[in-house]
C-alpha cells in the first residue's frame, strides 16, 4: 500500500546532545565530564576545540525553543548532562542544574513541543571515570541513581524517555580506538565487558523510569544501526541483507544483534556467544533479566547502510561503491534506502514500533552575502530519506516518528566545529542563529505531513520569519 502522507500522530522532531550545544561548563555547579578533560588534551580534537561554549544553549535556550516553534517541531529530543545534575556522578544533586532542565521543559511545553529526554549521550562524569567509568561493575548502579534524580524531578511533565545513545560508538571509539573520550585503547574482550555493563545500566534505568515516573512513560533507547540493504529485491538479496544486518559472528563492537537482542529478546545471539561470549562477566545470564525490560518503541540512529547481494552460497557480499558516489561532508556515503530496509528488518525482529532517533547529514554551510544559508544538499538528502521512510509506512512498518539530526550546528565531538549538521546555522563567534533553507523546507514537510515530499524542493522552501539577532558575546 502506497501512501502520500505520514500518520496524523507521527512525531516530527529534531535532536541535540548536551555537551554538543549547552556550553556553560562551569555553570550550575556542573562537574567535569570525560569530554571536558579529553578535549583539553593536545591533539585529541580538531583545532583543539572544546565544548566550553558550544552553542551557549544554557543561556539561549528560550531563543532556541522559539526557533523550534517557528519550524513547527512537535518534539525535541535532547540529552541531560549527567555532571550538570550530579556533579560527582552520584550523591548530592545540583539544584541549579536540575532547575535549568525544569525551565527548558516548561518552555518547550508552553511552545507546544513534546520533550523527549535522552539520559546518556556520552558525557560521563569525570569523577566516575576516575573510579573506572563504564569498566566498573558498579557503573549500572551509578546510572540508575542518576536516572532516579532526573525522573523524580521531570517526569511530572516528561513522558518520553531514551536511556542511552549509541553505545557502540562511545564504547568503540572511546574505549577501543581511543578517538573519543575517555580516549582509551582497550582490547576487544574488555570492550565486551564494558558493553555488558552498559546494557545492564540501560535495564536498570528503564526499570527506574517505570517505577518512579509521575506520568505514564514511554521508554526506549537509541543505538546506532550499522545495517545493510539488498542490491535487488530478489528474495536471496533481501535475506543476505537481513543476515548482514544481524550477524554477530565477528569480533566487532558494531553488531546490531549483540546490543539489541539482550535488550529486546532477553538473550545474546548464539553466533556472538560462540565467537566471543567468553569475554562476558560470570553474572551475564543472571543479568539478562534486568537488561530485558519491556520497551514501548525501538529507537534507532540511521545515517547510511551497506548494499549487499547474495553469493551463490547465500552469504552477504558487499557491492562496491560506484565511482563518484554521493557523500556527505563527513565522507559518509548517501544511501537513502537505509530508512526503508533498516526499520523493516528491525521491526521484523523486535516487533516494536520504530522511532528514527537520528538521521541527517554534515554539509558545508555558510551564509551568502545576503545572510541566507542555502543548503540544497541537506534538503535533497532529507527528502530522499523521508521518501524511503514513507515507503516503509506504506508497507505497514509502524514508524512512530522522525528526529532530524540536528536542530543546530554544534560541537561535533573530535571533529570540533568542522562539521555542520544543523537545520539552523550557528556563528560560533557571535552565537547568531540563522535558519537555513532546509529548516524552511522541513517546516513545510511537517505542515503537510510529508505530502510536500512530492513537490520540487524549491517550491516548498519559502523562508520562515527570521529570528531576532542574538546578542554577541
Protein backbone atom coordinates (compact mmCIF):
# COMPACT_ATOMS: atom_id res chain seq x y z
CA UNK A 1 0.00 0.00 0.00
CA UNK A 2 1.46 3.34 -1.04
CA UNK A 3 0.82 6.47 0.97
CA UNK A 4 1.38 10.15 0.23
CA UNK A 5 1.44 11.23 3.86
CA UNK A 6 2.55 10.16 7.28
CA UNK A 7 0.03 9.28 10.03
CA UNK A 8 -1.65 12.09 11.94
CA UNK A 9 0.08 11.04 15.18
CA UNK A 10 3.53 10.84 13.56
CA UNK A 11 6.19 12.52 15.71
CA UNK A 12 8.13 15.22 13.83
CA UNK A 13 11.18 16.42 15.70
CA UNK A 14 14.87 17.27 15.80
CA UNK A 15 17.60 16.38 18.24
CA UNK A 16 20.68 17.63 20.06
CA UNK A 17 23.05 16.44 22.78
CA UNK A 18 24.01 18.29 25.94
CA UNK A 19 27.79 18.55 25.54
CA UNK A 20 27.42 19.48 21.89
CA UNK A 21 25.26 22.56 22.47
CA UNK A 22 24.96 23.62 26.11
CA UNK A 23 28.26 25.31 26.92
CA UNK A 24 28.27 26.76 30.43
CA UNK A 25 30.65 24.06 31.61
CA UNK A 26 31.19 25.79 34.97
CA UNK A 27 27.59 26.98 35.38
CA UNK A 28 25.06 25.46 37.83
CA UNK A 29 27.86 23.83 39.82
CA UNK A 30 28.38 21.39 36.96
CA UNK A 31 31.15 18.86 37.42
CA UNK A 32 33.66 17.84 34.78
CA UNK A 33 32.78 15.26 32.16
CA UNK A 34 35.17 12.96 30.35
CA UNK A 35 34.74 15.19 27.30
CA UNK A 36 35.87 18.28 29.21
CA UNK A 37 39.11 16.52 30.08
CA UNK A 38 39.63 14.72 26.78
CA UNK A 39 39.09 17.81 24.62
CA UNK A 40 41.76 19.71 26.56
CA UNK A 41 44.43 17.16 25.73
CA UNK A 42 46.62 18.34 22.82
CA UNK A 43 45.80 16.67 19.51
CA UNK A 44 42.62 14.95 20.63
CA UNK A 45 40.15 17.23 18.82
CA UNK A 46 40.38 19.16 15.58
CA UNK A 47 41.99 22.58 16.20
CA UNK A 48 41.86 21.83 19.94
CA UNK A 49 38.17 22.72 20.03
CA UNK A 50 36.17 22.10 23.20
CA UNK A 51 32.52 22.30 24.17
CA UNK A 52 33.14 25.01 26.77
CA UNK A 53 30.80 27.43 24.98
CA UNK A 54 29.45 25.39 22.04
CA UNK A 55 26.05 26.94 21.15
CA UNK A 56 25.69 28.63 24.57
CA UNK A 57 22.33 26.90 24.88
CA UNK A 58 22.25 27.24 28.68
CA UNK A 59 21.85 30.99 28.20
CA UNK A 60 19.94 30.95 24.90
CA UNK A 61 17.52 28.09 25.32
CA UNK A 62 14.48 30.39 25.15
CA UNK A 63 15.61 31.67 21.75
CA UNK A 64 16.28 28.11 20.62
CA UNK A 65 12.82 26.95 21.66
CA UNK A 66 11.29 29.84 19.72
CA UNK A 67 13.21 28.64 16.65
CA UNK A 68 11.84 25.11 17.15
CA UNK A 69 8.33 26.52 17.30
CA UNK A 70 8.93 28.54 14.12
CA UNK A 71 9.98 25.35 12.31
CA UNK A 72 6.87 23.61 13.60
CA UNK A 73 8.57 20.84 15.56
CA UNK A 74 6.20 18.66 17.53
CA UNK A 75 9.05 17.10 19.52
CA UNK A 76 12.54 17.96 20.68
CA UNK A 77 14.96 15.21 21.60
CA UNK A 78 17.70 16.44 23.92
CA UNK A 79 20.03 14.87 26.45
CA UNK A 80 20.62 15.68 30.09
CA UNK A 81 24.15 16.48 31.18
CA UNK A 82 24.87 13.92 33.90
CA UNK A 83 27.57 16.09 35.59
CA UNK A 84 25.26 19.13 35.50
CA UNK A 85 22.70 17.19 37.54
CA UNK A 86 25.10 15.18 39.74
CA UNK A 87 28.47 16.98 39.76
CA UNK A 88 30.22 13.99 41.36
CA UNK A 89 28.26 11.48 39.29
CA UNK A 90 26.48 10.16 42.38
CA UNK A 91 25.44 11.69 45.68
CA UNK A 92 24.20 15.24 46.04
CA UNK A 93 22.35 16.71 43.08
CA UNK A 94 22.74 20.27 41.82
CA UNK A 95 19.57 22.29 42.34
CA UNK A 96 20.65 24.91 39.75
CA UNK A 97 21.41 22.12 37.27
CA UNK A 98 18.04 20.46 37.71
CA UNK A 99 16.45 23.90 37.64
CA UNK A 100 17.89 24.54 34.17
CA UNK A 101 16.12 21.46 32.81
CA UNK A 102 12.95 22.48 34.66
CA UNK A 103 12.94 25.77 32.75
CA UNK A 104 13.76 24.12 29.42
CA UNK A 105 10.95 21.58 29.78
CA UNK A 106 8.47 24.26 30.79
CA UNK A 107 9.48 26.45 27.84
CA UNK A 108 9.05 23.53 25.43
CA UNK A 109 5.63 22.63 26.77
CA UNK A 110 4.49 26.25 26.60
CA UNK A 111 5.50 26.23 22.91
CA UNK A 112 3.53 23.03 22.26
CA UNK A 113 6.69 20.93 21.80
CA UNK A 114 6.98 17.49 23.41
CA UNK A 115 10.24 16.89 25.32
CA UNK A 116 11.99 13.60 24.55
CA UNK A 117 14.81 13.11 27.05
CA UNK A 118 17.93 11.05 26.43
CA UNK A 119 19.60 10.25 29.73
CA UNK A 120 23.09 9.49 28.45
CA UNK A 121 24.72 10.96 25.35
CA UNK A 122 28.38 10.29 26.17
CA UNK A 123 29.20 12.91 28.86
CA UNK A 124 30.18 10.56 31.70
CA UNK A 125 31.11 12.48 34.87
CA UNK A 126 34.88 12.60 35.18
CA UNK A 127 34.71 11.73 38.87
CA UNK A 128 33.17 8.40 37.91
CA UNK A 129 35.76 7.86 35.19
CA UNK A 130 38.42 8.12 37.89
CA UNK A 131 36.66 5.19 39.57
CA UNK A 132 36.81 3.10 36.41
CA UNK A 133 33.87 4.57 34.50
CA UNK A 134 31.92 2.03 32.46
CA UNK A 135 34.58 -0.58 33.23
CA UNK A 136 33.48 -0.58 36.87
CA UNK A 137 30.77 -3.19 37.63
CA UNK A 138 29.14 -0.55 39.85
CA UNK A 139 28.51 1.71 36.82
CA UNK A 140 24.95 0.39 36.20
CA UNK A 141 24.05 1.33 39.78
CA UNK A 142 25.53 4.81 39.31
CA UNK A 143 23.43 5.25 36.20
CA UNK A 144 20.30 4.09 37.99
CA UNK A 145 20.93 6.66 40.75
CA UNK A 146 21.34 9.43 38.19
CA UNK A 147 18.20 8.27 36.37
CA UNK A 148 16.26 8.42 39.62
CA UNK A 149 17.30 12.04 40.21
CA UNK A 150 16.15 13.11 36.72
CA UNK A 151 12.92 11.13 36.70
CA UNK A 152 11.92 12.31 40.16
CA UNK A 153 12.35 15.90 39.05
CA UNK A 154 10.97 15.94 35.49
CA UNK A 155 8.57 13.04 35.00
CA UNK A 156 5.55 15.04 36.14
CA UNK A 157 5.89 16.81 32.75
CA UNK A 158 8.02 14.44 30.66
CA UNK A 159 6.66 11.12 29.40
CA UNK A 160 9.15 10.19 26.64
CA UNK A 161 12.48 8.68 27.63
CA UNK A 162 15.52 7.22 25.91
CA UNK A 163 18.09 5.64 28.18
CA UNK A 164 21.39 5.52 26.26
CA UNK A 165 22.55 6.89 22.91
CA UNK A 166 24.78 4.89 20.56
CA UNK A 167 26.58 2.58 22.98
CA UNK A 168 28.53 1.09 20.07
CA UNK A 169 30.09 4.49 19.35
CA UNK A 170 31.13 5.62 22.80
CA UNK A 171 32.49 2.15 23.57
CA UNK A 172 34.13 1.51 20.20
CA UNK A 173 35.62 4.97 19.75
CA UNK A 174 36.06 5.90 23.41
CA UNK A 175 37.34 2.63 24.87
CA UNK A 176 38.54 0.83 21.73
CA UNK A 177 40.10 3.19 19.21
CA UNK A 178 40.75 6.00 21.70
CA UNK A 179 39.41 8.61 19.26
CA UNK A 180 36.65 9.81 21.63
CA UNK A 181 36.53 10.39 25.36
CA UNK A 182 37.83 8.94 27.58
CA UNK A 183 40.50 8.08 24.99
CA UNK A 184 41.34 4.50 25.96
CA UNK A 185 42.53 1.73 23.63
CA UNK A 186 41.40 -1.50 25.24
CA UNK A 187 41.39 -4.98 23.70
CA UNK A 188 38.14 -6.26 22.27
CA UNK A 189 37.33 -8.63 25.14
CA UNK A 190 37.44 -5.72 27.60
CA UNK A 191 35.09 -3.72 25.35
CA UNK A 192 32.63 -6.61 25.53
CA UNK A 193 32.72 -6.42 29.33
CA UNK A 194 32.06 -2.68 29.16
CA UNK A 195 29.18 -3.28 26.74
CA UNK A 196 27.58 -5.67 29.22
CA UNK A 197 27.79 -3.05 31.97
CA UNK A 198 26.16 -0.51 29.63
CA UNK A 199 23.34 -2.93 28.75
CA UNK A 200 22.76 -3.59 32.43
CA UNK A 201 22.71 0.17 33.03
CA UNK A 202 20.04 0.52 30.34
CA UNK A 203 17.91 -2.14 32.01
CA UNK A 204 18.23 -0.58 35.45
CA UNK A 205 17.37 2.84 34.05
CA UNK A 206 14.32 1.54 32.16
CA UNK A 207 13.09 -0.14 35.32
CA UNK A 208 13.70 3.01 37.36
CA UNK A 209 11.74 5.13 34.87
CA UNK A 210 8.72 2.84 35.11
CA UNK A 211 8.86 2.57 38.88
CA UNK A 212 9.24 6.29 39.62
CA UNK A 213 7.51 8.22 36.82
CA UNK A 214 4.73 10.55 37.87
CA UNK A 215 3.11 10.13 34.44
CA UNK A 216 2.76 7.03 32.27
CA UNK A 217 6.12 6.80 30.48
CA UNK A 218 7.14 5.69 27.00
CA UNK A 219 10.59 4.12 27.19
CA UNK A 220 13.14 3.18 24.53
CA UNK A 221 16.78 3.59 23.71
CA UNK A 222 18.85 4.81 20.74
CA UNK A 223 21.56 2.50 19.44
CA UNK A 224 23.24 3.22 16.12
CA UNK A 225 22.29 0.93 13.24
CA UNK A 226 25.09 -0.33 11.01
CA UNK A 227 22.76 -2.03 8.58
CA UNK A 228 22.54 -3.50 5.10
CA UNK A 229 20.18 -3.07 2.15
CA UNK A 230 19.74 -5.55 -0.68
CA UNK A 231 21.23 -4.80 -4.09
CA UNK A 232 18.00 -6.05 -5.68
CA UNK A 233 14.62 -7.02 -4.27
CA UNK A 234 15.16 -10.69 -5.00
CA UNK A 235 14.41 -12.96 -2.02
CA UNK A 236 18.06 -14.04 -1.99
CA UNK A 237 19.44 -10.50 -1.78
CA UNK A 238 16.88 -9.47 0.84
CA UNK A 239 17.81 -12.44 3.00
CA UNK A 240 21.51 -11.65 2.53
CA UNK A 241 20.89 -8.05 3.70
CA UNK A 242 18.91 -9.28 6.70
CA UNK A 243 21.71 -11.68 7.60
CA UNK A 244 24.34 -8.95 7.23
CA UNK A 245 22.33 -6.61 9.47
CA UNK A 246 22.14 -9.08 12.35
CA UNK A 247 25.27 -11.21 12.16
CA UNK A 248 27.40 -11.30 15.31
CA UNK A 249 29.98 -13.93 14.40
CA UNK A 250 32.87 -11.50 14.02
CA UNK A 251 34.70 -9.62 16.81
CA UNK A 252 33.28 -6.15 16.18
CA UNK A 253 31.64 -3.73 18.59
CA UNK A 254 29.23 -2.61 15.84
CA UNK A 255 26.96 -5.67 15.90
CA UNK A 256 23.23 -4.86 15.96
CA UNK A 257 22.17 -8.18 17.44
CA UNK A 258 24.84 -8.22 20.17
CA UNK A 259 23.47 -4.97 21.60
CA UNK A 260 19.78 -5.26 20.76
CA UNK A 261 18.94 -8.94 21.26
CA UNK A 262 19.61 -8.80 25.04
CA UNK A 263 17.52 -5.62 25.34
CA UNK A 264 14.66 -6.72 23.08
CA UNK A 265 14.69 -10.52 23.31
CA UNK A 266 16.40 -11.25 26.61
CA UNK A 267 19.29 -13.21 25.11
CA UNK A 268 22.63 -12.74 23.41
CA UNK A 269 22.84 -14.01 19.80
CA UNK A 270 24.18 -17.55 19.56
CA UNK A 271 26.76 -16.73 16.89
CA UNK A 272 28.19 -13.98 19.10
CA UNK A 273 28.29 -16.22 22.15
CA UNK A 274 30.17 -18.82 20.14
CA UNK A 275 32.65 -16.25 18.80
CA UNK A 276 33.43 -14.17 21.91
CA UNK A 277 30.95 -14.97 24.67
CA UNK A 278 33.82 -15.98 26.97
CA UNK A 279 34.55 -12.24 27.37
CA UNK A 280 31.28 -11.75 29.28
CA UNK A 281 31.31 -11.48 33.08
CA UNK A 282 30.33 -14.52 35.12
CA UNK A 283 26.97 -12.97 36.01
CA UNK A 284 25.85 -12.40 32.42
CA UNK A 285 23.00 -14.92 32.29
CA UNK A 286 21.53 -13.68 35.55
CA UNK A 287 21.83 -10.05 34.39
CA UNK A 288 19.69 -10.67 31.29
CA UNK A 289 16.56 -10.49 33.42
CA UNK A 290 17.38 -6.88 34.28
CA UNK A 291 18.63 -5.97 30.80
CA UNK A 292 15.43 -7.25 29.16
CA UNK A 293 12.91 -4.66 30.33
CA UNK A 294 9.64 -4.01 28.46
CA UNK A 295 10.06 -1.14 25.99
CA UNK A 296 7.46 0.90 24.16
CA UNK A 297 9.41 1.57 20.98
CA UNK A 298 12.67 0.75 19.26
CA UNK A 299 14.73 3.89 18.69
CA UNK A 300 17.48 3.74 16.09
CA UNK A 301 20.01 6.23 14.71
CA UNK A 302 20.37 5.69 10.97
CA UNK A 303 22.70 7.52 8.59
CA UNK A 304 23.87 5.05 5.96
CA UNK A 305 23.99 1.38 5.09
CA UNK A 306 25.98 -1.15 3.15
CA UNK A 307 24.45 -2.54 -0.03
CA UNK A 308 24.87 -6.30 -0.33
CA UNK A 309 23.99 -9.14 -2.66
CA UNK A 310 23.82 -12.85 -2.10
CA UNK A 311 26.72 -15.04 -3.17
CA UNK A 312 25.91 -18.37 -4.83
CA UNK A 313 26.12 -19.88 -1.35
CA UNK A 314 23.67 -17.33 0.08
CA UNK A 315 26.21 -15.32 2.05
CA UNK A 316 26.09 -11.49 2.02
CA UNK A 317 28.65 -9.83 -0.20
CA UNK A 318 29.11 -6.08 -0.20
CA UNK A 319 28.52 -4.36 -3.53
CA UNK A 320 31.39 -1.95 -4.31
CA UNK A 321 30.53 1.73 -4.19
CA UNK A 322 30.01 3.39 -7.54
CA UNK A 323 32.78 5.64 -8.78
CA UNK A 324 31.98 9.18 -7.68
CA UNK A 325 29.34 8.01 -5.18
CA UNK A 326 27.28 10.65 -3.40
CA UNK A 327 28.66 11.51 0.01
CA UNK A 328 28.33 14.00 2.86
CA UNK A 329 30.97 16.42 4.11
CA UNK A 330 31.89 13.69 6.61
CA UNK A 331 32.63 11.43 3.57
CA UNK A 332 29.74 9.16 4.53
CA UNK A 333 28.08 7.56 1.52
CA UNK A 334 24.46 8.61 0.93
CA UNK A 335 22.15 5.58 0.87
CA UNK A 336 18.52 6.71 1.37
CA UNK A 337 17.25 3.12 1.25
CA UNK A 338 18.52 2.73 4.81
CA UNK A 339 15.24 4.31 6.02
CA UNK A 340 13.21 1.62 4.31
CA UNK A 341 15.18 -1.54 4.91
CA UNK A 342 16.52 -0.90 8.42
CA UNK A 343 13.10 -0.15 10.01
CA UNK A 344 11.69 -3.13 8.11
CA UNK A 345 14.34 -5.52 9.42
CA UNK A 346 14.30 -4.17 12.99
CA UNK A 347 10.52 -4.38 13.22
CA UNK A 348 10.53 -7.91 11.85
CA UNK A 349 12.99 -9.00 14.54
CA UNK A 350 11.85 -6.98 17.56
CA UNK A 351 8.13 -6.37 16.89
CA UNK A 352 8.06 -2.85 18.29
CA UNK A 353 7.16 0.49 16.70
CA UNK A 354 10.27 2.14 15.27
CA UNK A 355 11.37 5.70 16.04
CA UNK A 356 14.09 7.22 13.86
CA UNK A 357 16.01 8.92 16.66
CA UNK A 358 18.70 10.42 14.37
CA UNK A 359 19.09 10.97 10.63
CA UNK A 360 20.80 13.84 8.88
CA UNK A 361 23.95 14.93 7.13
CA UNK A 362 27.02 17.05 7.63
CA UNK A 363 27.26 19.72 4.95
CA UNK A 364 29.45 22.71 4.10
CA UNK A 365 27.06 25.51 5.10
CA UNK A 366 27.82 29.23 5.34
CA UNK A 367 25.89 32.48 4.93
CA UNK A 368 25.66 34.07 1.48
CA UNK A 369 26.30 37.82 1.04
CA UNK A 370 22.61 38.43 1.81
CA UNK A 371 22.86 36.48 5.08
CA UNK A 372 20.82 33.50 3.85
CA UNK A 373 22.18 29.99 4.35
CA UNK A 374 21.31 27.84 1.34
CA UNK A 375 21.83 24.12 1.83
CA UNK A 376 20.19 22.30 -1.08
CA UNK A 377 22.24 19.17 -0.42
CA UNK A 378 20.66 18.75 3.01
CA UNK A 379 17.20 19.21 1.53
CA UNK A 380 17.94 16.60 -1.15
CA UNK A 381 19.39 14.20 1.44
CA UNK A 382 16.46 14.52 3.82
CA UNK A 383 13.86 14.38 1.07
CA UNK A 384 15.26 11.16 -0.35
CA UNK A 385 15.45 9.57 3.10
CA UNK A 386 11.94 10.63 4.09
CA UNK A 387 10.55 9.24 0.84
CA UNK A 388 12.04 5.88 1.79
CA UNK A 389 10.63 6.18 5.30
CA UNK A 390 7.21 6.99 3.84
CA UNK A 391 7.57 3.87 1.71
CA UNK A 392 8.13 1.85 4.89
CA UNK A 393 4.96 3.35 6.39
CA UNK A 394 3.07 2.36 3.25
CA UNK A 395 4.45 -1.17 3.56
CA UNK A 396 2.95 -1.46 7.03
CA UNK A 397 6.01 -0.85 9.18
CA UNK A 398 4.86 1.02 12.34
CA UNK A 399 7.04 4.14 12.28
CA UNK A 400 6.42 6.39 15.30
CA UNK A 401 8.36 9.39 14.14
CA UNK A 402 11.47 11.03 12.77
CA UNK A 403 14.03 13.13 14.69
CA UNK A 404 16.23 15.11 12.32
CA UNK A 405 19.87 15.37 13.38
CA UNK A 406 20.43 18.02 14.28
CA UNK A 407 18.47 21.09 15.26
CA UNK A 408 21.51 23.35 15.01
CA UNK A 409 25.16 23.28 14.09
CA UNK A 410 27.10 22.18 17.14
CA UNK A 411 30.27 20.70 18.59
CA UNK A 412 30.88 17.52 16.62
CA UNK A 413 32.99 15.67 19.21
CA UNK A 414 36.57 15.01 18.00
CA UNK A 415 35.79 16.95 14.81
CA UNK A 416 35.29 20.12 16.86
CA UNK A 417 33.28 22.68 14.89
CA UNK A 418 34.40 21.40 11.48
CA UNK A 419 31.15 19.55 10.68
CA UNK A 420 27.74 21.22 10.35
CA UNK A 421 24.68 19.00 10.75
CA UNK A 422 22.10 21.64 11.71
CA UNK A 423 18.86 22.91 10.26
CA UNK A 424 19.97 26.16 11.93
CA UNK A 425 23.32 27.77 11.21
CA UNK A 426 25.29 28.94 14.26
CA UNK A 427 28.04 31.55 14.07
CA UNK A 428 30.19 30.28 16.91
CA UNK A 429 31.87 33.68 17.38
CA UNK A 430 28.68 35.73 17.79
CA UNK A 431 26.16 32.92 18.53
CA UNK A 432 23.92 34.32 15.79
CA UNK A 433 21.33 31.72 14.74
CA UNK A 434 20.17 31.66 11.11
CA UNK A 435 17.53 29.27 9.83
CA UNK A 436 18.85 27.52 6.75
CA UNK A 437 16.75 26.80 3.70
CA UNK A 438 16.44 23.23 4.98
CA UNK A 439 14.64 24.50 8.09
CA UNK A 440 12.01 26.19 5.92
CA UNK A 441 11.72 23.09 3.76
CA UNK A 442 11.37 20.81 6.80
CA UNK A 443 8.70 23.12 8.23
CA UNK A 444 6.60 22.53 5.12
CA UNK A 445 7.14 18.79 5.27
CA UNK A 446 5.85 18.83 8.84
CA UNK A 447 2.89 21.06 7.99
CA UNK A 448 1.83 18.79 5.12
CA UNK A 449 2.57 15.50 6.95
CA UNK A 450 5.01 14.64 4.19
CA UNK A 451 2.81 15.34 1.17
CA UNK A 452 5.19 18.11 0.10
CA UNK A 453 7.91 15.49 -0.46
CA UNK A 454 6.31 15.06 -3.89
CA UNK A 455 6.84 18.73 -4.73
CA UNK A 456 10.03 20.17 -6.22
CA UNK A 457 12.12 21.21 -3.18
CA UNK A 458 12.35 24.84 -4.32
CA UNK A 459 8.55 25.10 -4.20
CA UNK A 460 8.40 24.10 -0.55
CA UNK A 461 11.15 26.21 0.95
CA UNK A 462 9.51 29.59 1.44
CA UNK A 463 11.64 31.43 4.02
CA UNK A 464 10.45 31.39 7.60
CA UNK A 465 10.41 34.60 9.56
CA UNK A 466 13.97 35.29 10.62
CA UNK A 467 14.68 35.02 14.36
CA UNK A 468 15.74 38.11 16.20
CA UNK A 469 19.52 38.51 16.16
CA UNK A 470 21.33 37.03 19.11
CA UNK A 471 23.30 39.38 21.33
CA UNK A 472 27.02 38.93 20.53
CA UNK A 473 29.08 37.54 23.38
